[in-house]
Amino acid sequence: VQLQASGGGLVQAGGSLRLSCAASGIIVRLNTIDWYRQAPGKQRELVARILSGGTTYYTDSVKGRFTVSRDNAKNTVDLQVNSLKPEDTAVYYCHTRRVDGLRPYDYWGQGTLVTVSS
């Protein structure tokens, strides 16, 4: 399983980006895919999640601004981030967990940096 995140960059407050997580070794529509972020000096936090059935979850601080979606043809999970704030500055990672027998395996993308200037 490999995940590759892309799409980060430097934007002004109020701007938008579209992050993309390209997956290989799994079919994204059959798996739960998460977007996490880690700001400098802070713990990694779950930002958004899309379940195999299509249900989505967002942490409170991004509700109404971020949207997670799948592109089944491309086997990607995208995160549209709008109305960006300086506190959204972080490295954004995509993640999935697989269970082999009883053992869970966590797979992480390499991260993509989002920097929001005020």
N, C-alpha and C. Protein backbone atom coordinates (compact mmCIF):
# COMPACT_ATOMS: atom_id res chain seq x y z
N VAL A 1 0.85 -1.19 0.00
CA VAL A 1 0.00 0.00 0.00
C VAL A 1 0.88 1.24 0.00
N GLN A 2 0.58 2.15 -0.89
CA GLN A 2 1.30 3.43 -0.90
C GLN A 2 0.30 4.56 -1.06
N LEU A 3 0.53 5.61 -0.29
CA LEU A 3 -0.28 6.81 -0.38
C LEU A 3 0.64 7.98 -0.68
N GLN A 4 0.22 8.83 -1.58
CA GLN A 4 1.04 9.99 -1.94
C GLN A 4 0.18 11.24 -1.93
N ALA A 5 0.50 12.15 -1.00
CA ALA A 5 -0.25 13.39 -0.87
C ALA A 5 0.43 14.48 -1.69
N SER A 6 -0.40 15.34 -2.25
CA SER A 6 0.12 16.46 -3.03
C SER A 6 -0.86 17.61 -2.98
N GLY A 7 -0.44 18.76 -3.49
CA GLY A 7 -1.34 19.89 -3.62
C GLY A 7 -1.14 21.01 -2.63
N GLY A 8 -0.24 20.84 -1.68
CA GLY A 8 -0.01 21.90 -0.71
C GLY A 8 0.67 23.10 -1.34
N GLY A 9 0.78 24.16 -0.56
CA GLY A 9 1.43 25.36 -1.05
C GLY A 9 1.25 26.50 -0.09
N LEU A 10 1.66 27.68 -0.55
CA LEU A 10 1.54 28.91 0.24
C LEU A 10 0.37 29.72 -0.30
N VAL A 11 -0.57 30.04 0.59
CA VAL A 11 -1.72 30.83 0.20
C VAL A 11 -1.98 31.90 1.24
N GLN A 12 -2.67 32.93 0.85
CA GLN A 12 -3.09 33.96 1.79
C GLN A 12 -4.34 33.51 2.53
N ALA A 13 -4.55 34.08 3.68
CA ALA A 13 -5.76 33.80 4.45
C ALA A 13 -6.99 34.07 3.57
N GLY A 14 -7.93 33.13 3.64
CA GLY A 14 -9.13 33.23 2.81
C GLY A 14 -9.02 32.46 1.51
N GLY A 15 -7.84 32.01 1.20
CA GLY A 15 -7.62 31.29 -0.05
C GLY A 15 -8.02 29.84 0.03
N SER A 16 -7.78 29.14 -1.08
CA SER A 16 -8.17 27.73 -1.20
C SER A 16 -7.05 26.91 -1.81
N LEU A 17 -7.09 25.64 -1.50
CA LEU A 17 -6.21 24.64 -2.12
C LEU A 17 -7.00 23.36 -2.28
N ARG A 18 -6.52 22.53 -3.17
CA ARG A 18 -7.09 21.19 -3.29
C ARG A 18 -5.97 20.19 -3.10
N LEU A 19 -6.04 19.44 -2.01
CA LEU A 19 -5.06 18.41 -1.71
C LEU A 19 -5.55 17.09 -2.31
N SER A 20 -4.61 16.28 -2.74
CA SER A 20 -4.97 15.01 -3.34
C SER A 20 -4.12 13.90 -2.74
N CYS A 21 -4.75 12.76 -2.50
CA CYS A 21 -4.06 11.58 -1.99
C CYS A 21 -4.23 10.47 -3.02
N ALA A 22 -3.15 10.13 -3.68
CA ALA A 22 -3.17 9.06 -4.67
C ALA A 22 -2.80 7.75 -4.01
N ALA A 23 -3.62 6.74 -4.22
CA ALA A 23 -3.40 5.46 -3.55
C ALA A 23 -3.03 4.39 -4.56
N SER A 24 -2.15 3.51 -4.13
CA SER A 24 -1.84 2.31 -4.89
C SER A 24 -1.82 1.13 -3.92
N GLY A 25 -2.22 -0.01 -4.40
CA GLY A 25 -2.27 -1.20 -3.55
C GLY A 25 -3.59 -1.37 -2.83
N ILE A 26 -4.44 -0.36 -2.89
CA ILE A 26 -5.79 -0.45 -2.32
C ILE A 26 -6.76 0.24 -3.27
N ILE A 27 -8.02 -0.06 -3.10
CA ILE A 27 -9.08 0.63 -3.83
C ILE A 27 -9.73 1.59 -2.84
N VAL A 28 -9.63 2.88 -3.09
CA VAL A 28 -10.03 3.85 -2.08
C VAL A 28 -11.51 3.73 -1.73
N ARG A 29 -12.35 3.38 -2.70
CA ARG A 29 -13.78 3.35 -2.41
C ARG A 29 -14.15 2.19 -1.48
N LEU A 30 -13.22 1.27 -1.28
CA LEU A 30 -13.48 0.13 -0.40
C LEU A 30 -12.84 0.32 0.98
N ASN A 31 -12.22 1.45 1.19
CA ASN A 31 -11.48 1.68 2.42
C ASN A 31 -11.83 3.03 3.05
N THR A 32 -11.56 3.13 4.34
CA THR A 32 -11.64 4.41 5.03
C THR A 32 -10.33 5.15 4.82
N ILE A 33 -10.42 6.37 4.35
CA ILE A 33 -9.23 7.20 4.13
C ILE A 33 -9.36 8.47 4.97
N ASP A 34 -8.30 8.78 5.65
CA ASP A 34 -8.28 9.94 6.54
C ASP A 34 -7.32 11.00 6.01
N TRP A 35 -7.62 12.23 6.39
CA TRP A 35 -6.67 13.33 6.27
C TRP A 35 -6.35 13.81 7.68
N TYR A 36 -5.08 13.81 8.02
CA TYR A 36 -4.58 14.35 9.28
C TYR A 36 -3.73 15.58 8.96
N ARG A 37 -3.48 16.35 10.00
CA ARG A 37 -2.52 17.44 9.85
C ARG A 37 -1.70 17.57 11.14
N GLN A 38 -0.51 18.10 10.96
CA GLN A 38 0.35 18.34 12.11
C GLN A 38 0.99 19.71 11.97
N ALA A 39 0.63 20.58 12.89
CA ALA A 39 1.20 21.92 12.92
C ALA A 39 2.49 21.89 13.74
N PRO A 40 3.37 22.85 13.52
CA PRO A 40 4.63 22.87 14.27
C PRO A 40 4.38 22.88 15.78
N GLY A 41 5.04 21.96 16.46
CA GLY A 41 4.93 21.90 17.91
C GLY A 41 3.64 21.31 18.43
N LYS A 42 2.80 20.78 17.54
CA LYS A 42 1.52 20.23 17.96
C LYS A 42 1.42 18.76 17.56
N GLN A 43 0.46 18.09 18.18
CA GLN A 43 0.23 16.69 17.84
C GLN A 43 -0.52 16.59 16.52
N ARG A 44 -0.34 15.46 15.87
CA ARG A 44 -1.08 15.21 14.65
C ARG A 44 -2.56 15.05 15.00
N GLU A 45 -3.42 15.65 14.21
CA GLU A 45 -4.86 15.58 14.48
C GLU A 45 -5.62 15.15 13.23
N LEU A 46 -6.70 14.42 13.47
CA LEU A 46 -7.58 14.00 12.39
C LEU A 46 -8.40 15.21 11.93
N VAL A 47 -8.39 15.45 10.63
CA VAL A 47 -9.10 16.58 10.05
C VAL A 47 -10.38 16.13 9.37
N ALA A 48 -10.28 15.08 8.56
CA ALA A 48 -11.44 14.62 7.79
C ALA A 48 -11.28 13.14 7.51
N ARG A 49 -12.41 12.51 7.30
CA ARG A 49 -12.43 11.06 7.04
C ARG A 49 -13.56 10.77 6.07
N ILE A 50 -13.28 9.84 5.17
CA ILE A 50 -14.34 9.35 4.31
C ILE A 50 -14.37 7.83 4.42
N LEU A 51 -15.53 7.31 4.76
CA LEU A 51 -15.70 5.87 4.93
C LEU A 51 -15.98 5.22 3.58
N SER A 52 -15.87 3.91 3.56
CA SER A 52 -16.08 3.19 2.30
C SER A 52 -17.49 3.43 1.76
N GLY A 53 -18.45 3.60 2.64
CA GLY A 53 -19.81 3.85 2.19
C GLY A 53 -20.07 5.28 1.76
N GLY A 54 -19.07 6.13 1.94
CA GLY A 54 -19.21 7.52 1.52
C GLY A 54 -19.49 8.51 2.64
N THR A 55 -19.77 8.01 3.83
CA THR A 55 -19.99 8.91 4.96
C THR A 55 -18.70 9.68 5.26
N THR A 56 -18.88 10.96 5.57
CA THR A 56 -17.73 11.81 5.85
C THR A 56 -17.78 12.34 7.29
N TYR A 57 -16.61 12.65 7.77
CA TYR A 57 -16.45 13.20 9.13
C TYR A 57 -15.46 14.35 9.04
N TYR A 58 -15.72 15.40 9.84
CA TYR A 58 -14.81 16.54 9.91
C TYR A 58 -14.62 16.96 11.36
N THR A 59 -13.42 17.36 11.68
CA THR A 59 -13.23 17.95 12.98
C THR A 59 -13.91 19.32 13.01
N ASP A 60 -14.33 19.74 14.18
CA ASP A 60 -15.16 20.95 14.27
C ASP A 60 -14.53 22.18 13.64
N SER A 61 -13.23 22.31 13.79
CA SER A 61 -12.57 23.54 13.34
C SER A 61 -12.57 23.72 11.82
N VAL A 62 -12.89 22.66 11.06
CA VAL A 62 -12.86 22.77 9.60
C VAL A 62 -14.23 22.57 8.98
N LYS A 63 -15.23 22.29 9.77
CA LYS A 63 -16.58 22.06 9.23
C LYS A 63 -17.05 23.29 8.47
N GLY A 64 -17.59 23.05 7.30
CA GLY A 64 -18.07 24.14 6.46
C GLY A 64 -17.00 24.75 5.58
N ARG A 65 -15.74 24.39 5.82
CA ARG A 65 -14.64 24.95 5.02
C ARG A 65 -13.90 23.88 4.23
N PHE A 66 -13.83 22.68 4.76
CA PHE A 66 -13.11 21.59 4.11
C PHE A 66 -14.12 20.56 3.60
N THR A 67 -13.80 19.95 2.47
CA THR A 67 -14.65 18.91 1.92
C THR A 67 -13.77 17.76 1.43
N VAL A 68 -14.07 16.56 1.91
CA VAL A 68 -13.33 15.38 1.48
C VAL A 68 -14.19 14.62 0.47
N SER A 69 -13.54 14.13 -0.58
CA SER A 69 -14.27 13.42 -1.63
C SER A 69 -13.37 12.39 -2.28
N ARG A 70 -13.98 11.49 -2.99
CA ARG A 70 -13.23 10.46 -3.70
C ARG A 70 -13.38 10.64 -5.20
N ASP A 71 -12.34 10.30 -5.92
CA ASP A 71 -12.40 10.16 -7.37
C ASP A 71 -12.10 8.69 -7.66
N ASN A 72 -13.15 7.90 -7.83
CA ASN A 72 -12.95 6.46 -7.98
C ASN A 72 -12.17 6.12 -9.25
N ALA A 73 -12.36 6.88 -10.29
CA ALA A 73 -11.66 6.60 -11.54
C ALA A 73 -10.15 6.79 -11.39
N LYS A 74 -9.77 7.80 -10.60
CA LYS A 74 -8.34 8.07 -10.39
C LYS A 74 -7.80 7.35 -9.16
N ASN A 75 -8.69 6.77 -8.36
CA ASN A 75 -8.31 6.13 -7.10
C ASN A 75 -7.61 7.13 -6.17
N THR A 76 -8.22 8.29 -6.05
CA THR A 76 -7.68 9.32 -5.18
C THR A 76 -8.75 9.78 -4.19
N VAL A 77 -8.28 10.36 -3.09
CA VAL A 77 -9.16 11.03 -2.13
C VAL A 77 -8.66 12.46 -2.04
N ASP A 78 -9.54 13.39 -2.31
CA ASP A 78 -9.17 14.80 -2.32
C ASP A 78 -9.71 15.52 -1.10
N LEU A 79 -9.02 16.57 -0.72
CA LEU A 79 -9.47 17.43 0.36
C LEU A 79 -9.47 18.86 -0.17
N GLN A 80 -10.66 19.38 -0.38
CA GLN A 80 -10.80 20.78 -0.80
C GLN A 80 -10.79 21.63 0.46
N VAL A 81 -9.84 22.54 0.53
CA VAL A 81 -9.72 23.38 1.72
C VAL A 81 -9.96 24.82 1.32
N ASN A 82 -11.03 25.39 1.85
CA ASN A 82 -11.45 26.76 1.52
C ASN A 82 -11.38 27.64 2.75
N SER A 83 -11.45 28.94 2.50
CA SER A 83 -11.46 29.92 3.60
C SER A 83 -10.35 29.65 4.59
N LEU A 84 -9.17 29.45 4.06
CA LEU A 84 -8.04 29.05 4.90
C LEU A 84 -7.67 30.14 5.90
N LYS A 85 -7.25 29.68 7.06
CA LYS A 85 -6.84 30.56 8.15
C LYS A 85 -5.38 30.26 8.49
N PRO A 86 -4.69 31.20 9.08
CA PRO A 86 -3.29 30.93 9.47
C PRO A 86 -3.16 29.70 10.36
N GLU A 87 -4.16 29.43 11.18
CA GLU A 87 -4.09 28.26 12.05
C GLU A 87 -4.27 26.94 11.31
N ASP A 88 -4.58 26.99 10.03
CA ASP A 88 -4.62 25.78 9.21
C ASP A 88 -3.23 25.38 8.71
N THR A 89 -2.26 26.23 8.95
CA THR A 89 -0.89 25.92 8.54
C THR A 89 -0.42 24.63 9.20
N ALA A 90 0.00 23.68 8.38
CA ALA A 90 0.40 22.37 8.88
C ALA A 90 0.87 21.51 7.71
N VAL A 91 1.48 20.40 8.07
CA VAL A 91 1.71 19.35 7.08
C VAL A 91 0.49 18.44 7.10
N TYR A 92 -0.08 18.21 5.94
CA TYR A 92 -1.27 17.40 5.80
C TYR A 92 -0.89 16.01 5.27
N TYR A 93 -1.40 14.99 5.95
CA TYR A 93 -1.09 13.61 5.62
C TYR A 93 -2.38 12.84 5.31
N CYS A 94 -2.32 11.97 4.34
CA CYS A 94 -3.40 11.01 4.19
C CYS A 94 -3.00 9.70 4.84
N HIS A 95 -4.00 8.95 5.23
CA HIS A 95 -3.77 7.76 6.06
C HIS A 95 -4.87 6.75 5.79
N THR A 96 -4.50 5.48 5.90
CA THR A 96 -5.47 4.42 5.93
C THR A 96 -4.97 3.32 6.85
N ARG A 97 -5.88 2.57 7.40
CA ARG A 97 -5.53 1.44 8.26
C ARG A 97 -6.08 0.17 7.65
N ARG A 98 -5.23 -0.82 7.59
CA ARG A 98 -5.62 -2.13 7.09
C ARG A 98 -5.44 -3.13 8.23
N VAL A 99 -6.28 -4.15 8.23
CA VAL A 99 -6.17 -5.20 9.24
C VAL A 99 -5.84 -6.50 8.53
N ASP A 100 -4.74 -7.09 8.95
CA ASP A 100 -4.30 -8.38 8.40
C ASP A 100 -4.42 -9.39 9.51
N GLY A 101 -5.44 -10.22 9.44
CA GLY A 101 -5.74 -11.09 10.56
C GLY A 101 -6.26 -10.25 11.70
N LEU A 102 -5.57 -10.22 12.82
CA LEU A 102 -5.97 -9.39 13.95
C LEU A 102 -5.07 -8.17 14.09
N ARG A 103 -4.08 -8.03 13.21
CA ARG A 103 -3.09 -6.96 13.38
C ARG A 103 -3.40 -5.79 12.47
N PRO A 104 -3.48 -4.60 13.05
CA PRO A 104 -3.70 -3.41 12.23
C PRO A 104 -2.39 -2.85 11.67
N TYR A 105 -2.44 -2.34 10.46
CA TYR A 105 -1.30 -1.70 9.83
C TYR A 105 -1.74 -0.31 9.40
N ASP A 106 -0.94 0.68 9.79
CA ASP A 106 -1.22 2.07 9.41
C ASP A 106 -0.31 2.47 8.26
N TYR A 107 -0.91 3.08 7.25
CA TYR A 107 -0.17 3.55 6.10
C TYR A 107 -0.36 5.06 5.98
N TRP A 108 0.75 5.76 5.82
CA TRP A 108 0.74 7.22 5.75
C TRP A 108 1.36 7.69 4.44
N GLY A 109 0.78 8.74 3.89
CA GLY A 109 1.44 9.43 2.79
C GLY A 109 2.58 10.27 3.34
N GLN A 110 3.37 10.84 2.47
CA GLN A 110 4.56 11.55 2.91
C GLN A 110 4.26 12.95 3.44
N GLY A 111 3.07 13.44 3.25
CA GLY A 111 2.69 14.76 3.74
C GLY A 111 2.88 15.84 2.70
N THR A 112 2.01 16.83 2.77
CA THR A 112 2.12 17.99 1.90
C THR A 112 1.89 19.23 2.75
N LEU A 113 2.77 20.21 2.60
CA LEU A 113 2.78 21.37 3.48
C LEU A 113 1.81 22.44 2.97
N VAL A 114 0.95 22.87 3.88
CA VAL A 114 0.05 24.00 3.62
C VAL A 114 0.47 25.14 4.53
N THR A 115 0.79 26.27 3.94
CA THR A 115 1.18 27.46 4.70
C THR A 115 0.21 28.58 4.36
N VAL A 116 -0.42 29.11 5.39
CA VAL A 116 -1.40 30.18 5.20
C VAL A 116 -0.86 31.45 5.83
N SER A 117 -0.68 32.46 5.02
CA SER A 117 -0.16 33.73 5.52
C SER A 117 -1.32 34.67 5.87
N SER A 118 -1.07 35.49 6.89
CA SER A 118 -2.15 36.40 7.34
C SER A 118 -2.08 37.74 6.60
